[in-house]
C-alpha cells in the first residue's frame, strides 16, 4: 500500500509518503525543493552518479514511521543539501525547514 499525507512543519507544507512493503516501509517527506528519506536512500549514488541533478536530500536510518523520520538525526546528506546549510546530525525537521 502507498500512503500520501500532508505534513505541516512551522506552517510550511510537505508531503509524506509511506510505501508498505513486506517486512519494511519506505518513508519520505518532501517538498518541491528536496526531501528526507529512510535508510533506503543511497546518498552516495546521488552525490557520485547523479551529481549533475543537484538533488537536495538527507537520509535517516533506523526509522519506521514518518514521525520518527522527521525527528531523527540525519546520518548522511547530499552535497547539495550541505550547500544550503543542512548538516549530518541535524534533525529531519530542521533539514526540511532549510528546504523552504
PDB file of N, CA and C in Angstrom:
ATOM      1  N   UNK A   1       0.831  -1.167   0.000  1.00  0.00           N
ATOM      2  CA  UNK A   1       0.000   0.000   0.000  1.00  0.00           C
ATOM      3  C   UNK A   1       0.889   1.249   0.000  1.00  0.00           C
ATOM      4  N   UNK A   2       0.420   2.290  -0.652  1.00  0.00           N
ATOM      5  CA  UNK A   2       1.109   3.577  -0.687  1.00  0.00           C
ATOM      6  C   UNK A   2       0.213   4.621  -0.052  1.00  0.00           C
ATOM      7  N   UNK A   3       0.778   5.361   0.911  1.00  0.00           N
ATOM      8  CA  UNK A   3       0.037   6.427   1.578  1.00  0.00           C
ATOM      9  C   UNK A   3       0.705   7.761   1.303  1.00  0.00           C
ATOM     10  N   UNK A   4      -0.083   8.759   0.941  1.00  0.00           N
ATOM     11  CA  UNK A   4       0.369  10.141   0.786  1.00  0.00           C
ATOM     12  C   UNK A   4      -0.404  10.988   1.787  1.00  0.00           C
ATOM     13  N   UNK A   5       0.318  11.741   2.609  1.00  0.00           N
ATOM     14  CA  UNK A   5      -0.332  12.577   3.605  1.00  0.00           C
ATOM     15  C   UNK A   5       0.345  13.930   3.673  1.00  0.00           C
ATOM     16  N   UNK A   6      -0.432  14.981   3.853  1.00  0.00           N
ATOM     17  CA  UNK A   6       0.185  16.298   4.044  1.00  0.00           C
ATOM     18  C   UNK A   6       0.823  16.377   5.435  1.00  0.00           C
ATOM     19  N   UNK A   7       1.918  17.098   5.517  1.00  0.00           N
ATOM     20  CA  UNK A   7       2.596  17.356   6.785  1.00  0.00           C
ATOM     21  C   UNK A   7       2.888  18.851   6.817  1.00  0.00           C
ATOM     22  N   UNK A   8       2.531  19.499   7.898  1.00  0.00           N
ATOM     23  CA  UNK A   8       2.809  20.926   8.049  1.00  0.00           C
ATOM     24  C   UNK A   8       3.862  21.085   9.148  1.00  0.00           C
ATOM     25  N   UNK A   9       4.958  21.731   8.827  1.00  0.00           N
ATOM     26  CA  UNK A   9       6.031  21.983   9.793  1.00  0.00           C
ATOM     27  C   UNK A   9       6.234  23.486   9.860  1.00  0.00           C
ATOM     28  N   UNK A  10       5.954  24.048  11.019  1.00  0.00           N
ATOM     29  CA  UNK A  10       6.054  25.501  11.215  1.00  0.00           C
ATOM     30  C   UNK A  10       5.329  26.270  10.111  1.00  0.00           C
ATOM     31  N   UNK A  11       4.147  25.788   9.740  1.00  0.00           N
ATOM     32  CA  UNK A  11       3.330  26.452   8.734  1.00  0.00           C
ATOM     33  C   UNK A  11       3.721  26.166   7.296  1.00  0.00           C
ATOM     34  N   UNK A  12       4.717  25.324   7.086  1.00  0.00           N
ATOM     35  CA  UNK A  12       5.199  25.005   5.738  1.00  0.00           C
ATOM     36  C   UNK A  12       4.704  23.629   5.302  1.00  0.00           C
ATOM     37  N   UNK A  13       4.119  23.535   4.106  1.00  0.00           N
ATOM     38  CA  UNK A  13       3.558  22.263   3.653  1.00  0.00           C
ATOM     39  C   UNK A  13       4.606  21.321   3.052  1.00  0.00           C
ATOM     40  N   UNK A  14       4.495  20.065   3.420  1.00  0.00           N
ATOM     41  CA  UNK A  14       5.304  18.985   2.859  1.00  0.00           C
ATOM     42  C   UNK A  14       4.367  17.821   2.582  1.00  0.00           C
ATOM     43  N   UNK A  15       4.845  16.840   1.846  1.00  0.00           N
ATOM     44  CA  UNK A  15       4.088  15.624   1.595  1.00  0.00           C
ATOM     45  C   UNK A  15       4.865  14.449   2.168  1.00  0.00           C
ATOM     46  N   UNK A  16       4.187  13.601   2.921  1.00  0.00           N
ATOM     47  CA  UNK A  16       4.785  12.384   3.471  1.00  0.00           C
ATOM     48  C   UNK A  16       4.322  11.197   2.639  1.00  0.00           C
ATOM     49  N   UNK A  17       5.266  10.333   2.300  1.00  0.00           N
ATOM     50  CA  UNK A  17       4.970   9.135   1.521  1.00  0.00           C
ATOM     51  C   UNK A  17       5.427   7.917   2.313  1.00  0.00           C
ATOM     52  N   UNK A  18       4.536   6.965   2.453  1.00  0.00           N
ATOM     53  CA  UNK A  18       4.873   5.680   3.064  1.00  0.00           C
ATOM     54  C   UNK A  18       4.533   4.587   2.065  1.00  0.00           C
ATOM     55  N   UNK A  19       5.504   3.770   1.729  1.00  0.00           N
ATOM     56  CA  UNK A  19       5.286   2.620   0.853  1.00  0.00           C
ATOM     57  C   UNK A  19       5.468   1.384   1.722  1.00  0.00           C
ATOM     58  N   UNK A  20       4.374   0.672   1.946  1.00  0.00           N
ATOM     59  CA  UNK A  20       4.435  -0.518   2.782  1.00  0.00           C
ATOM     60  C   UNK A  20       4.839  -1.718   1.937  1.00  0.00           C
ATOM     61  N   UNK A  21       5.967  -2.307   2.301  1.00  0.00           N
ATOM     62  CA  UNK A  21       6.483  -3.485   1.620  1.00  0.00           C
ATOM     63  C   UNK A  21       6.544  -4.633   2.624  1.00  0.00           C
ATOM     64  N   UNK A  22       6.710  -5.853   2.169  1.00  0.00           N
ATOM     65  CA  UNK A  22       6.856  -6.955   3.125  1.00  0.00           C
ATOM     66  C   UNK A  22       8.052  -6.704   4.051  1.00  0.00           C
ATOM     67  N   UNK A  23       7.800  -6.687   5.335  1.00  0.00           N
ATOM     68  CA  UNK A  23       8.802  -6.580   6.387  1.00  0.00           C
ATOM     69  C   UNK A  23       9.484  -5.226   6.512  1.00  0.00           C
ATOM     70  N   UNK A  24       9.076  -4.229   5.734  1.00  0.00           N
ATOM     71  CA  UNK A  24       9.682  -2.899   5.861  1.00  0.00           C
ATOM     72  C   UNK A  24       8.773  -1.847   5.241  1.00  0.00           C
ATOM     73  N   UNK A  25       9.078  -0.610   5.525  1.00  0.00           N
ATOM     74  CA  UNK A  25       8.397   0.526   4.899  1.00  0.00           C
ATOM     75  C   UNK A  25       9.434   1.444   4.290  1.00  0.00           C
ATOM     76  N   UNK A  26       9.126   2.027   3.158  1.00  0.00           N
ATOM     77  CA  UNK A  26       9.935   3.096   2.591  1.00  0.00           C
ATOM     78  C   UNK A  26       9.257   4.399   2.993  1.00  0.00           C
ATOM     79  N   UNK A  27      10.031   5.336   3.527  1.00  0.00           N
ATOM     80  CA  UNK A  27       9.481   6.581   4.049  1.00  0.00           C
ATOM     81  C   UNK A  27      10.185   7.765   3.424  1.00  0.00           C
ATOM     82  N   UNK A  28       9.415   8.811   3.094  1.00  0.00           N
ATOM     83  CA  UNK A  28       9.988  10.052   2.576  1.00  0.00           C
ATOM     84  C   UNK A  28       9.076  11.212   2.934  1.00  0.00           C
ATOM     85  N   UNK A  29       9.678  12.373   3.149  1.00  0.00           N
ATOM     86  CA  UNK A  29       8.940  13.619   3.323  1.00  0.00           C
ATOM     87  C   UNK A  29       9.591  14.607   2.369  1.00  0.00           C
ATOM     88  N   UNK A  30       8.781  15.306   1.561  1.00  0.00           N
ATOM     89  CA  UNK A  30       9.359  16.161   0.531  1.00  0.00           C
ATOM     90  C   UNK A  30       8.536  17.413   0.280  1.00  0.00           C
ATOM     91  N   UNK A  31       9.194  18.354  -0.388  1.00  0.00           N
ATOM     92  CA  UNK A  31       8.520  19.499  -0.996  1.00  0.00           C
ATOM     93  C   UNK A  31       9.130  19.667  -2.383  1.00  0.00           C
ATOM     94  N   UNK A  32       8.889  20.790  -3.027  1.00  0.00           N
ATOM     95  CA  UNK A  32       9.388  20.954  -4.394  1.00  0.00           C
ATOM     96  C   UNK A  32      10.892  21.205  -4.470  1.00  0.00           C
ATOM     97  N   UNK A  33      11.557  21.381  -3.329  1.00  0.00           N
ATOM     98  CA  UNK A  33      12.994  21.663  -3.320  1.00  0.00           C
ATOM     99  C   UNK A  33      13.849  20.438  -2.996  1.00  0.00           C
ATOM    100  N   UNK A  34      13.356  19.561  -2.100  1.00  0.00           N
ATOM    101  CA  UNK A  34      14.153  18.410  -1.700  1.00  0.00           C
ATOM    102  C   UNK A  34      13.383  17.459  -0.814  1.00  0.00           C
ATOM    103  N   UNK A  35      14.115  16.516  -0.188  1.00  0.00           N
ATOM    104  CA  UNK A  35      13.448  15.514   0.626  1.00  0.00           C
ATOM    105  C   UNK A  35      14.378  14.879   1.641  1.00  0.00           C
ATOM    106  N   UNK A  36      13.735  14.267   2.644  1.00  0.00           N
ATOM    107  CA  UNK A  36      14.446  13.372   3.552  1.00  0.00           C
ATOM    108  C   UNK A  36      13.822  12.001   3.371  1.00  0.00           C
ATOM    109  N   UNK A  37      14.617  10.963   3.653  1.00  0.00           N
ATOM    110  CA  UNK A  37      14.133   9.611   3.398  1.00  0.00           C
ATOM    111  C   UNK A  37      14.752   8.655   4.407  1.00  0.00           C
ATOM    112  N   UNK A  38      14.168   7.478   4.490  1.00  0.00           N
ATOM    113  CA  UNK A  38      14.679   6.428   5.364  1.00  0.00           C
ATOM    114  C   UNK A  38      15.984   5.866   4.803  1.00  0.00           C
ATOM    115  N   UNK A  39      16.489   4.834   5.451  1.00  0.00           N
ATOM    116  CA  UNK A  39      17.767   4.234   5.097  1.00  0.00           C
ATOM    117  C   UNK A  39      17.868   3.670   3.697  1.00  0.00           C
ATOM    118  N   UNK A  40      16.763   3.555   2.976  1.00  0.00           N
ATOM    119  CA  UNK A  40      16.804   3.041   1.608  1.00  0.00           C
ATOM    120  C   UNK A  40      17.449   4.021   0.626  1.00  0.00           C
ATOM    121  N   UNK A  41      17.576   5.281   1.029  1.00  0.00           N
ATOM    122  CA  UNK A  41      18.159   6.302   0.155  1.00  0.00           C
ATOM    123  C   UNK A  41      19.659   6.067  -0.005  1.00  0.00           C
ATOM    124  N   UNK A  42      20.142   6.071  -1.220  1.00  0.00           N
ATOM    125  CA  UNK A  42      21.566   5.898  -1.500  1.00  0.00           C
ATOM    126  C   UNK A  42      22.190   7.263  -1.768  1.00  0.00           C
ATOM    127  N   UNK A  43      22.661   7.912  -0.710  1.00  0.00           N
ATOM    128  CA  UNK A  43      23.246   9.249  -0.828  1.00  0.00           C
ATOM    129  C   UNK A  43      24.492   9.218  -1.711  1.00  0.00           C
ATOM    130  N   UNK A  44      25.281   8.163  -1.585  1.00  0.00           N
ATOM    131  CA  UNK A  44      26.484   8.048  -2.410  1.00  0.00           C
ATOM    132  C   UNK A  44      26.163   8.083  -3.895  1.00  0.00           C
ATOM    133  N   UNK A  45      25.132   7.392  -4.300  1.00  0.00           N
ATOM    134  CA  UNK A  45      24.707   7.397  -5.706  1.00  0.00           C
ATOM    135  C   UNK A  45      24.302   8.800  -6.138  1.00  0.00           C
ATOM    136  N   UNK A  46      23.553   9.489  -5.289  1.00  0.00           N
ATOM    137  CA  UNK A  46      23.111  10.844  -5.636  1.00  0.00           C
ATOM    138  C   UNK A  46      24.296  11.790  -5.775  1.00  0.00           C
ATOM    139  N   UNK A  47      25.299  11.638  -4.917  1.00  0.00           N
ATOM    140  CA  UNK A  47      26.469  12.514  -4.967  1.00  0.00           C
ATOM    141  C   UNK A  47      27.410  12.170  -6.113  1.00  0.00           C
ATOM    142  N   UNK A  48      27.575  10.896  -6.386  1.00  0.00           N
ATOM    143  CA  UNK A  48      28.578  10.473  -7.368  1.00  0.00           C
ATOM    144  C   UNK A  48      28.025  10.359  -8.786  1.00  0.00           C
ATOM    145  N   UNK A  49      26.978   9.613  -8.960  1.00  0.00           N
ATOM    146  CA  UNK A  49      26.468   9.315 -10.305  1.00  0.00           C
ATOM    147  C   UNK A  49      25.437  10.313 -10.804  1.00  0.00           C
ATOM    148  N   UNK A  50      24.735  10.966  -9.871  1.00  0.00           N
ATOM    149  CA  UNK A  50      23.659  11.872 -10.278  1.00  0.00           C
ATOM    150  C   UNK A  50      23.926  13.308  -9.827  1.00  0.00           C
ATOM    151  N   UNK A  51      25.185  13.634  -9.611  1.00  0.00           N
ATOM    152  CA  UNK A  51      25.534  14.953  -9.080  1.00  0.00           C
ATOM    153  C   UNK A  51      25.075  16.090  -9.988  1.00  0.00           C
ATOM    154  N   UNK A  52      24.959  15.836 -11.276  1.00  0.00           N
ATOM    155  CA  UNK A  52      24.516  16.882 -12.200  1.00  0.00           C
ATOM    156  C   UNK A  52      23.053  17.270 -11.974  1.00  0.00           C
ATOM    157  N   UNK A  53      22.304  16.451 -11.254  1.00  0.00           N
ATOM    158  CA  UNK A  53      20.900  16.758 -10.963  1.00  0.00           C
ATOM    159  C   UNK A  53      20.740  17.684  -9.754  1.00  0.00           C
ATOM    160  N   UNK A  54      21.811  17.851  -8.970  1.00  0.00           N
ATOM    161  CA  UNK A  54      21.817  18.757  -7.813  1.00  0.00           C
ATOM    162  C   UNK A  54      20.661  18.468  -6.851  1.00  0.00           C
ATOM    163  N   UNK A  55      20.573  17.222  -6.427  1.00  0.00           N
ATOM    164  CA  UNK A  55      19.485  16.762  -5.564  1.00  0.00           C
ATOM    165  C   UNK A  55      19.763  17.125  -4.106  1.00  0.00           C
ATOM    166  N   UNK A  56      18.790  17.770  -3.476  1.00  0.00           N
ATOM    167  CA  UNK A  56      18.860  18.113  -2.059  1.00  0.00           C
ATOM    168  C   UNK A  56      18.134  17.004  -1.301  1.00  0.00           C
ATOM    169  N   UNK A  57      18.893  16.224  -0.513  1.00  0.00           N
ATOM    170  CA  UNK A  57      18.289  15.092   0.181  1.00  0.00           C
ATOM    171  C   UNK A  57      19.096  14.724   1.417  1.00  0.00           C
ATOM    172  N   UNK A  58      18.408  14.108   2.359  1.00  0.00           N
ATOM    173  CA  UNK A  58      19.046  13.603   3.563  1.00  0.00           C
ATOM    174  C   UNK A  58      18.490  12.238   3.913  1.00  0.00           C
ATOM    175  N   UNK A  59      19.300  11.465   4.652  1.00  0.00           N
ATOM    176  CA  UNK A  59      18.936  10.095   4.998  1.00  0.00           C
ATOM    177  C   UNK A  59      19.001   9.901   6.509  1.00  0.00           C
ATOM    178  N   UNK A  60      17.946   9.308   7.061  1.00  0.00           N
ATOM    179  CA  UNK A  60      17.918   8.908   8.466  1.00  0.00           C
ATOM    180  C   UNK A  60      17.763   7.394   8.509  1.00  0.00           C
ATOM    181  N   UNK A  61      18.497   6.741   9.385  1.00  0.00           N
ATOM    182  CA  UNK A  61      18.429   5.280   9.470  1.00  0.00           C
ATOM    183  C   UNK A  61      17.709   4.853  10.748  1.00  0.00           C
ATOM    184  N   UNK A  62      17.163   3.639  10.709  1.00  0.00           N
ATOM    185  CA  UNK A  62      16.507   3.076  11.874  1.00  0.00           C
ATOM    186  C   UNK A  62      15.130   3.634  12.160  1.00  0.00           C
ATOM    187  N   UNK A  63      14.521   4.277  11.175  1.00  0.00           N
ATOM    188  CA  UNK A  63      13.187   4.859  11.376  1.00  0.00           C
ATOM    189  C   UNK A  63      12.125   3.947  10.781  1.00  0.00           C
ATOM    190  N   UNK A  64      10.958   3.933  11.425  1.00  0.00           N
ATOM    191  CA  UNK A  64       9.876   3.064  10.964  1.00  0.00           C
ATOM    192  C   UNK A  64       8.586   3.819  10.680  1.00  0.00           C
ATOM    193  N   UNK A  65       8.547   5.105  11.051  1.00  0.00           N
ATOM    194  CA  UNK A  65       7.350   5.920  10.829  1.00  0.00           C
ATOM    195  C   UNK A  65       7.766   7.296  10.317  1.00  0.00           C
ATOM    196  N   UNK A  66       6.818   8.012   9.754  1.00  0.00           N
ATOM    197  CA  UNK A  66       7.081   9.375   9.292  1.00  0.00           C
ATOM    198  C   UNK A  66       7.487  10.257  10.470  1.00  0.00           C
ATOM    199  N   UNK A  67       6.818  10.113  11.601  1.00  0.00           N
ATOM    200  CA  UNK A  67       7.157  10.907  12.781  1.00  0.00           C
ATOM    201  C   UNK A  67       8.603  10.665  13.210  1.00  0.00           C
ATOM    202  N   UNK A  68       9.024   9.413  13.211  1.00  0.00           N
ATOM    203  CA  UNK A  68      10.415   9.104  13.551  1.00  0.00           C
ATOM    204  C   UNK A  68      11.371   9.720  12.539  1.00  0.00           C
ATOM    205  N   UNK A  69      11.026   9.657  11.259  1.00  0.00           N
ATOM    206  CA  UNK A  69      11.865  10.240  10.212  1.00  0.00           C
ATOM    207  C   UNK A  69      12.039  11.736  10.424  1.00  0.00           C
ATOM    208  N   UNK A  70      10.961  12.420  10.731  1.00  0.00           N
ATOM    209  CA  UNK A  70      11.030  13.870  10.933  1.00  0.00           C
ATOM    210  C   UNK A  70      11.885  14.222  12.151  1.00  0.00           C
ATOM    211  N   UNK A  71      11.846  13.395  13.185  1.00  0.00           N
ATOM    212  CA  UNK A  71      12.570  13.691  14.420  1.00  0.00           C
ATOM    213  C   UNK A  71      13.977  13.119  14.487  1.00  0.00           C
ATOM    214  N   UNK A  72      14.313  12.203  13.615  1.00  0.00           N
ATOM    215  CA  UNK A  72      15.614  11.532  13.664  1.00  0.00           C
ATOM    216  C   UNK A  72      16.740  12.424  13.149  1.00  0.00           C
ATOM    217  N   UNK A  73      17.950  12.203  13.665  1.00  0.00           N
ATOM    218  CA  UNK A  73      19.107  12.907  13.101  1.00  0.00           C
ATOM    219  C   UNK A  73      19.462  12.312  11.736  1.00  0.00           C
ATOM    220  N   UNK A  74      19.879  13.167  10.827  1.00  0.00           N
ATOM    221  CA  UNK A  74      20.276  12.688   9.505  1.00  0.00           C
ATOM    222  C   UNK A  74      21.654  12.038   9.593  1.00  0.00           C
ATOM    223  N   UNK A  75      21.765  10.867   9.030  1.00  0.00           N
ATOM    224  CA  UNK A  75      23.003  10.089   9.043  1.00  0.00           C
ATOM    225  C   UNK A  75      23.909  10.479   7.877  1.00  0.00           C
ATOM    226  N   UNK A  76      23.288  10.889   6.773  1.00  0.00           N
ATOM    227  CA  UNK A  76      24.060  11.329   5.609  1.00  0.00           C
ATOM    228  C   UNK A  76      23.205  12.293   4.793  1.00  0.00           C
ATOM    229  N   UNK A  77      23.892  13.141   4.024  1.00  0.00           N
ATOM    230  CA  UNK A  77      23.213  14.154   3.213  1.00  0.00           C
ATOM    231  C   UNK A  77      23.935  14.280   1.876  1.00  0.00           C
ATOM    232  N   UNK A  78      23.242  14.845   0.914  1.00  0.00           N
ATOM    233  CA  UNK A  78      23.882  15.092  -0.372  1.00  0.00           C
ATOM    234  C   UNK A  78      24.715  16.373  -0.308  1.00  0.00           C
ATOM    235  N   UNK A  79      25.603  16.509  -1.256  1.00  0.00           N
ATOM    236  CA  UNK A  79      26.426  17.705  -1.365  1.00  0.00           C
ATOM    237  C   UNK A  79      25.561  18.946  -1.517  1.00  0.00           C
ATOM    238  N   UNK A  80      24.497  18.838  -2.276  1.00  0.00           N
ATOM    239  CA  UNK A  80      23.592  19.978  -2.474  1.00  0.00           C
ATOM    240  C   UNK A  80      22.850  20.338  -1.195  1.00  0.00           C
ATOM    241  N   UNK A  81      22.530  19.353  -0.367  1.00  0.00           N
ATOM    242  CA  UNK A  81      21.897  19.634   0.924  1.00  0.00           C
ATOM    243  C   UNK A  81      22.869  20.419   1.808  1.00  0.00           C
ATOM    244  N   UNK A  82      24.109  19.997   1.817  1.00  0.00           N
ATOM    245  CA  UNK A  82      25.133  20.710   2.597  1.00  0.00           C
ATOM    246  C   UNK A  82      25.259  22.160   2.132  1.00  0.00           C
ATOM    247  N   UNK A  83      25.159  22.367   0.833  1.00  0.00           N
ATOM    248  CA  UNK A  83      25.312  23.706   0.260  1.00  0.00           C
ATOM    249  C   UNK A  83      24.229  24.671   0.733  1.00  0.00           C
ATOM    250  N   UNK A  84      23.068  24.159   1.159  1.00  0.00           N
ATOM    251  CA  UNK A  84      22.011  25.059   1.643  1.00  0.00           C
ATOM    252  C   UNK A  84      21.945  25.097   3.176  1.00  0.00           C
ATOM    253  N   UNK A  85      22.939  24.505   3.835  1.00  0.00           N
ATOM    254  CA  UNK A  85      23.018  24.603   5.289  1.00  0.00           C
ATOM    255  C   UNK A  85      22.553  23.394   6.072  1.00  0.00           C
ATOM    256  N   UNK A  86      22.227  22.316   5.404  1.00  0.00           N
ATOM    257  CA  UNK A  86      21.847  21.083   6.095  1.00  0.00           C
ATOM    258  C   UNK A  86      23.127  20.357   6.498  1.00  0.00           C
ATOM    259  N   UNK A  87      23.128  19.780   7.696  1.00  0.00           N
ATOM    260  CA  UNK A  87      24.310  19.093   8.200  1.00  0.00           C
ATOM    261  C   UNK A  87      23.960  17.705   8.708  1.00  0.00           C
ATOM    262  N   UNK A  88      24.929  16.795   8.654  1.00  0.00           N
ATOM    263  CA  UNK A  88      24.781  15.474   9.258  1.00  0.00           C
ATOM    264  C   UNK A  88      24.522  15.682  10.750  1.00  0.00           C
ATOM    265  N   UNK A  89      23.582  14.934  11.302  1.00  0.00           N
ATOM    266  CA  UNK A  89      23.220  15.056  12.709  1.00  0.00           C
ATOM    267  C   UNK A  89      22.042  15.979  12.955  1.00  0.00           C
ATOM    268  N   UNK A  90      21.734  16.828  11.984  1.00  0.00           N
ATOM    269  CA  UNK A  90      20.575  17.726  12.084  1.00  0.00           C
ATOM    270  C   UNK A  90      19.307  16.884  12.019  1.00  0.00           C
ATOM    271  N   UNK A  91      18.278  17.295  12.741  1.00  0.00           N
ATOM    272  CA  UNK A  91      17.007  16.559  12.682  1.00  0.00           C
ATOM    273  C   UNK A  91      16.380  16.685  11.305  1.00  0.00           C
ATOM    274  N   UNK A  92      15.580  15.698  10.945  1.00  0.00           N
ATOM    275  CA  UNK A  92      14.856  15.770   9.683  1.00  0.00           C
ATOM    276  C   UNK A  92      14.001  17.022   9.614  1.00  0.00           C
ATOM    277  N   UNK A  93      13.388  17.374  10.719  1.00  0.00           N
ATOM    278  CA  UNK A  93      12.551  18.574  10.797  1.00  0.00           C
ATOM    279  C   UNK A  93      13.349  19.827  10.437  1.00  0.00           C
ATOM    280  N   UNK A  94      14.513  19.984  11.062  1.00  0.00           N
ATOM    281  CA  UNK A  94      15.330  21.172  10.789  1.00  0.00           C
ATOM    282  C   UNK A  94      15.839  21.182   9.339  1.00  0.00           C
ATOM    283  N   UNK A  95      16.150  19.997   8.835  1.00  0.00           N
ATOM    284  CA  UNK A  95      16.591  19.903   7.429  1.00  0.00           C
ATOM    285  C   UNK A  95      15.463  20.315   6.485  1.00  0.00           C
ATOM    286  N   UNK A  96      14.257  19.831   6.747  1.00  0.00           N
ATOM    287  CA  UNK A  96      13.119  20.199   5.900  1.00  0.00           C
ATOM    288  C   UNK A  96      12.887  21.700   5.917  1.00  0.00           C
ATOM    289  N   UNK A  97      13.045  22.313   7.067  1.00  0.00           N
ATOM    290  CA  UNK A  97      12.843  23.766   7.152  1.00  0.00           C
ATOM    291  C   UNK A  97      13.908  24.524   6.358  1.00  0.00           C
ATOM    292  N   UNK A  98      15.097  23.944   6.178  1.00  0.00           N
ATOM    293  CA  UNK A  98      16.118  24.566   5.326  1.00  0.00           C
ATOM    294  C   UNK A  98      15.733  24.491   3.853  1.00  0.00           C
ATOM    295  N   UNK A  99      14.801  23.592   3.530  1.00  0.00           N
ATOM    296  CA  UNK A  99      14.367  23.408   2.152  1.00  0.00           C
ATOM    297  C   UNK A  99      13.209  24.322   1.760  1.00  0.00           C
ATOM    298  N   UNK A 100      12.766  25.171   2.685  1.00  0.00           N
ATOM    299  CA  UNK A 100      11.634  26.059   2.407  1.00  0.00           C
ATOM    300  C   UNK A 100      12.115  27.249   1.605  1.00  0.00           C
TER     301      UNK A 100
END
